[in-house]
Amino acid sequence: MYANSRVPQSAQTGIHERLAELVDRHRREPFRKPILDYNRAAFEMAMAAWGGERPLILDAACGTGASSVLLAERHPDCFVIGVDQSEARLTTAKGELPANLCLVRADLVDFWRLLAGRGVTLERHCLFYPNPWPKIGHLARRWHGHAVFPVLPQLGGLIECRSNWRIYVEEFAFALGRLLGRDIGWQEFVTDEPVSPFERKYRDSGQPLYRCIVDLRSGQ
């Protein structure tokens, strides 16, 4: 059935006790894993498609690209790059893509670092419903627990994380706030215009949805 999605199940009841330690360590010790050639090639293709003339929106882990298409339609004055590691998901994109959209197969860990290395500043940075990795032992697999996380605020813009697991957004806000040296809020929200099939399914299943939005341009 369609509207039968479940909230991620976890023995964790709040912010992981090791998150602060992990964020601090990753801030002290920059991630130095070599960047793979196929990610460099994908990055250069995306940069060429963008051209640098319009504000840039990054749809991180965009899946089938449905959210990327919606972002491109909602922000016609911007250029949208949707990045996902799965070619199978990206090839399910239906119809002709908007002219201000490029879908790219790449590993986000490398793509983020390449953006930062090029000095790119984003207009918007979207992380819509990332894999929650809800097991307690999987903290380092969540984006805010990953060694690449300190790169994200370097990209600027308005960054937004959404999840149907409250703890993920709570941790994301905590980790980002720790990097920025200030308190970051998060909220439960209701949407009449889902950004993706996942969000629509979660909403129609009666699940609460959560988001953290931080405008790195204004300090809000």
Protein backbone atom coordinates (compact mmCIF):
# COMPACT_ATOMS: atom_id res chain seq x y z
CA MET A 1 0.00 0.00 0.00
CA TYR A 2 1.09 3.58 -0.65
CA ALA A 3 0.68 5.44 2.65
CA ASN A 4 2.17 2.82 4.93
CA SER A 5 5.68 4.21 5.46
CA ARG A 6 7.19 3.79 8.93
CA VAL A 7 9.33 6.15 10.98
CA PRO A 8 12.91 4.83 11.32
CA GLN A 9 13.19 2.62 14.39
CA SER A 10 16.09 3.15 16.79
CA ALA A 11 17.12 2.44 20.34
CA GLN A 12 18.45 5.99 20.37
CA THR A 13 16.15 8.45 22.14
CA GLY A 14 18.07 11.73 21.80
CA ILE A 15 21.23 13.28 20.42
CA HIS A 16 23.99 10.67 20.30
CA GLU A 17 26.34 10.96 23.27
CA ARG A 18 29.38 10.85 20.97
CA LEU A 19 28.23 13.41 18.42
CA ALA A 20 29.98 16.42 19.99
CA GLU A 21 33.24 14.48 20.24
CA LEU A 22 32.95 13.34 16.63
CA VAL A 23 32.20 16.81 15.25
CA ASP A 24 35.11 18.31 17.19
CA ARG A 25 37.50 15.66 15.92
CA HIS A 26 36.41 16.13 12.32
CA ARG A 27 36.87 19.89 12.64
CA ARG A 28 40.43 19.39 13.95
CA GLU A 29 41.37 16.71 11.43
CA PRO A 30 40.32 17.58 7.84
CA PHE A 31 39.12 14.72 5.68
CA ARG A 32 41.94 13.82 3.28
CA LYS A 33 40.67 10.76 1.43
CA PRO A 34 41.78 11.00 -2.22
CA ILE A 35 39.11 12.24 -4.62
CA LEU A 36 38.25 9.70 -7.31
CA ASP A 37 38.67 10.56 -10.98
CA TYR A 38 35.04 9.81 -11.91
CA ASN A 39 33.89 12.33 -9.32
CA ARG A 40 36.26 14.96 -10.70
CA ALA A 41 34.88 14.32 -14.18
CA ALA A 42 31.28 14.57 -12.93
CA PHE A 43 32.10 17.78 -11.09
CA GLU A 44 33.66 19.42 -14.14
CA MET A 45 30.65 18.41 -16.24
CA ALA A 46 28.31 19.97 -13.67
CA MET A 47 30.37 23.16 -13.47
CA ALA A 48 30.34 23.47 -17.26
CA ALA A 49 26.57 23.01 -17.35
CA TRP A 50 26.13 25.68 -14.67
CA GLY A 51 28.50 28.20 -16.23
CA GLY A 52 28.71 30.28 -13.05
CA GLU A 53 26.32 32.98 -14.22
CA ARG A 54 23.31 32.20 -12.03
CA PRO A 55 22.91 31.47 -8.31
CA LEU A 56 23.50 27.78 -7.66
CA ILE A 57 21.26 25.34 -5.78
CA LEU A 58 22.61 21.92 -4.76
CA ASP A 59 20.14 19.08 -4.24
CA ALA A 60 22.30 16.64 -2.31
CA ALA A 61 21.46 12.93 -2.63
CA CYS A 62 18.61 13.80 -4.98
CA GLY A 63 17.55 10.20 -5.69
CA THR A 64 15.43 10.13 -8.84
CA GLY A 65 15.79 13.87 -9.25
CA ALA A 66 12.11 14.64 -8.57
CA SER A 67 13.06 17.18 -5.91
CA SER A 68 15.67 18.69 -8.24
CA VAL A 69 13.06 19.22 -10.95
CA LEU A 70 10.76 20.90 -8.44
CA LEU A 71 13.57 23.15 -7.20
CA ALA A 72 14.41 24.15 -10.77
CA GLU A 73 10.77 24.99 -11.46
CA ARG A 74 10.37 26.95 -8.24
CA HIS A 75 13.61 28.90 -8.74
CA PRO A 76 13.84 29.70 -12.46
CA ASP A 77 16.45 32.40 -11.80
CA CYS A 78 18.82 29.79 -10.32
CA PHE A 79 20.66 26.76 -11.66
CA VAL A 80 20.11 23.44 -9.89
CA ILE A 81 22.57 20.58 -9.63
CA GLY A 82 21.13 17.31 -8.36
CA VAL A 83 23.73 14.81 -7.17
CA ASP A 84 23.20 11.16 -6.37
CA GLN A 85 25.55 8.18 -6.24
CA SER A 86 23.04 5.80 -7.85
CA GLU A 87 22.90 5.77 -11.62
CA ALA A 88 19.84 3.52 -11.41
CA ARG A 89 17.91 6.15 -9.44
CA LEU A 90 18.98 9.00 -11.68
CA THR A 91 18.00 7.18 -14.87
CA THR A 92 14.40 6.97 -13.63
CA ALA A 93 14.02 10.74 -14.09
CA LYS A 94 11.00 11.17 -16.31
CA GLY A 95 10.41 13.60 -19.13
CA GLU A 96 12.53 16.47 -20.37
CA LEU A 97 14.50 18.18 -17.63
CA PRO A 98 14.25 21.93 -17.06
CA ALA A 99 16.96 23.91 -18.83
CA ASN A 100 18.26 25.16 -15.48
CA LEU A 101 18.88 21.65 -14.10
CA CYS A 102 21.74 19.18 -14.31
CA LEU A 103 21.58 15.71 -12.73
CA VAL A 104 24.96 14.20 -11.90
CA ARG A 105 26.10 10.78 -10.73
CA ALA A 106 28.81 11.36 -8.12
CA ASP A 107 29.80 10.64 -4.55
CA LEU A 108 28.70 13.61 -2.46
CA VAL A 109 31.73 13.29 -0.19
CA ASP A 110 33.97 14.15 -3.13
CA PHE A 111 31.52 16.56 -4.78
CA TRP A 112 31.21 18.69 -1.65
CA ARG A 113 35.00 18.91 -1.30
CA LEU A 114 35.41 19.83 -4.95
CA LEU A 115 32.85 22.61 -4.59
CA ALA A 116 34.68 23.98 -1.56
CA GLY A 117 38.03 23.68 -3.32
CA ARG A 118 36.68 25.67 -6.27
CA GLY A 119 35.39 28.34 -3.89
CA VAL A 120 31.76 27.89 -4.96
CA THR A 121 29.14 29.61 -2.80
CA LEU A 122 25.67 28.09 -2.95
CA GLU A 123 22.39 29.96 -2.97
CA ARG A 124 20.56 26.99 -1.42
CA HIS A 125 21.80 23.63 -0.17
CA CYS A 126 19.14 20.93 0.19
CA LEU A 127 19.46 17.65 2.05
CA PHE A 128 16.00 16.18 1.75
CA TYR A 129 15.44 12.93 3.66
CA PRO A 130 18.97 11.52 3.72
CA ASN A 131 19.46 7.91 4.77
CA PRO A 132 18.94 8.15 8.56
CA TRP A 133 21.19 5.24 9.57
CA PRO A 134 19.15 4.91 12.80
CA LYS A 135 21.22 2.25 14.57
CA ILE A 136 23.22 3.71 17.45
CA GLY A 137 26.44 2.31 16.02
CA HIS A 138 25.88 4.02 12.68
CA LEU A 139 26.41 7.60 13.86
CA ALA A 140 29.44 8.17 11.62
CA ARG A 141 27.35 7.22 8.57
CA ARG A 142 24.92 10.08 9.13
CA TRP A 143 26.04 13.22 7.28
CA HIS A 144 26.51 15.24 10.46
CA GLY A 145 28.64 12.44 11.91
CA HIS A 146 30.76 12.02 8.78
CA ALA A 147 34.26 13.41 8.47
CA VAL A 148 33.19 15.55 5.50
CA PHE A 149 30.56 17.48 7.50
CA PRO A 150 32.77 20.53 8.33
CA VAL A 151 32.92 21.24 4.58
CA LEU A 152 29.16 21.87 4.33
CA PRO A 153 29.01 25.28 6.07
CA GLN A 154 31.94 26.42 3.92
CA LEU A 155 29.58 26.31 0.93
CA GLY A 156 27.36 29.02 2.39
CA GLY A 157 23.84 29.79 1.27
CA LEU A 158 20.62 28.63 2.86
CA ILE A 159 21.09 25.05 4.03
CA GLU A 160 18.06 22.89 4.77
CA CYS A 161 17.86 19.35 6.11
CA ARG A 162 14.54 17.46 6.24
CA SER A 163 13.76 14.09 7.77
CA ASN A 164 10.90 12.02 9.10
CA TRP A 165 13.16 10.98 12.01
CA ARG A 166 13.25 13.75 14.62
CA ILE A 167 16.63 12.72 16.03
CA TYR A 168 18.32 13.13 12.64
CA VAL A 169 17.27 16.77 12.32
CA GLU A 170 17.96 17.43 16.00
CA GLU A 171 21.49 16.06 15.59
CA PHE A 172 22.03 17.94 12.33
CA ALA A 173 21.12 21.22 14.04
CA PHE A 174 23.35 20.41 17.00
CA ALA A 175 26.35 19.48 14.83
CA LEU A 176 25.99 22.50 12.55
CA GLY A 177 25.61 24.77 15.56
CA ARG A 178 28.75 23.31 17.10
CA LEU A 179 30.71 24.12 13.96
CA LEU A 180 29.28 27.64 13.77
CA GLY A 181 29.58 28.37 17.48
CA ARG A 182 25.93 29.19 18.04
CA ASP A 183 22.59 27.56 18.76
CA ILE A 184 20.70 26.28 15.74
CA GLY A 185 16.99 25.55 15.85
CA TRP A 186 14.85 22.91 14.18
CA GLN A 187 11.12 22.45 13.84
CA GLU A 188 8.28 20.13 13.01
CA PHE A 189 6.42 21.26 9.90
CA VAL A 190 3.48 20.45 7.65
CA THR A 191 3.67 20.72 3.88
CA ASP A 192 0.94 21.12 1.28
CA GLU A 193 3.50 20.88 -1.53
CA PRO A 194 5.83 17.90 -0.95
CA VAL A 195 9.29 18.30 -2.45
CA SER A 196 9.60 14.64 -3.39
CA PRO A 197 7.68 11.36 -3.58
CA PHE A 198 9.33 10.38 -0.28
CA GLU A 199 8.01 13.47 1.49
CA ARG A 200 4.54 12.91 0.04
CA LYS A 201 4.55 9.29 1.21
CA TYR A 202 5.71 10.19 4.71
CA ARG A 203 3.10 12.93 4.96
CA ASP A 204 0.31 10.71 3.66
CA SER A 205 1.35 8.02 6.13
CA GLY A 206 0.55 10.50 8.91
CA GLN A 207 4.15 10.95 10.01
CA PRO A 208 5.43 14.20 11.52
CA LEU A 209 8.11 15.86 9.40
CA TYR A 210 11.09 17.81 10.71
CA ARG A 211 13.48 20.36 9.24
CA CYS A 212 16.47 22.50 10.11
CA ILE A 213 16.97 25.67 8.04
CA VAL A 214 19.99 27.93 8.44
CA ASP A 215 20.77 30.93 6.26
CA LEU A 216 24.56 31.11 6.34
CA ARG A 217 24.46 34.39 4.44
CA SER A 218 22.68 36.29 7.19
CA GLY A 219 23.58 34.29 10.30
CA GLN A 220 19.94 33.33 10.87
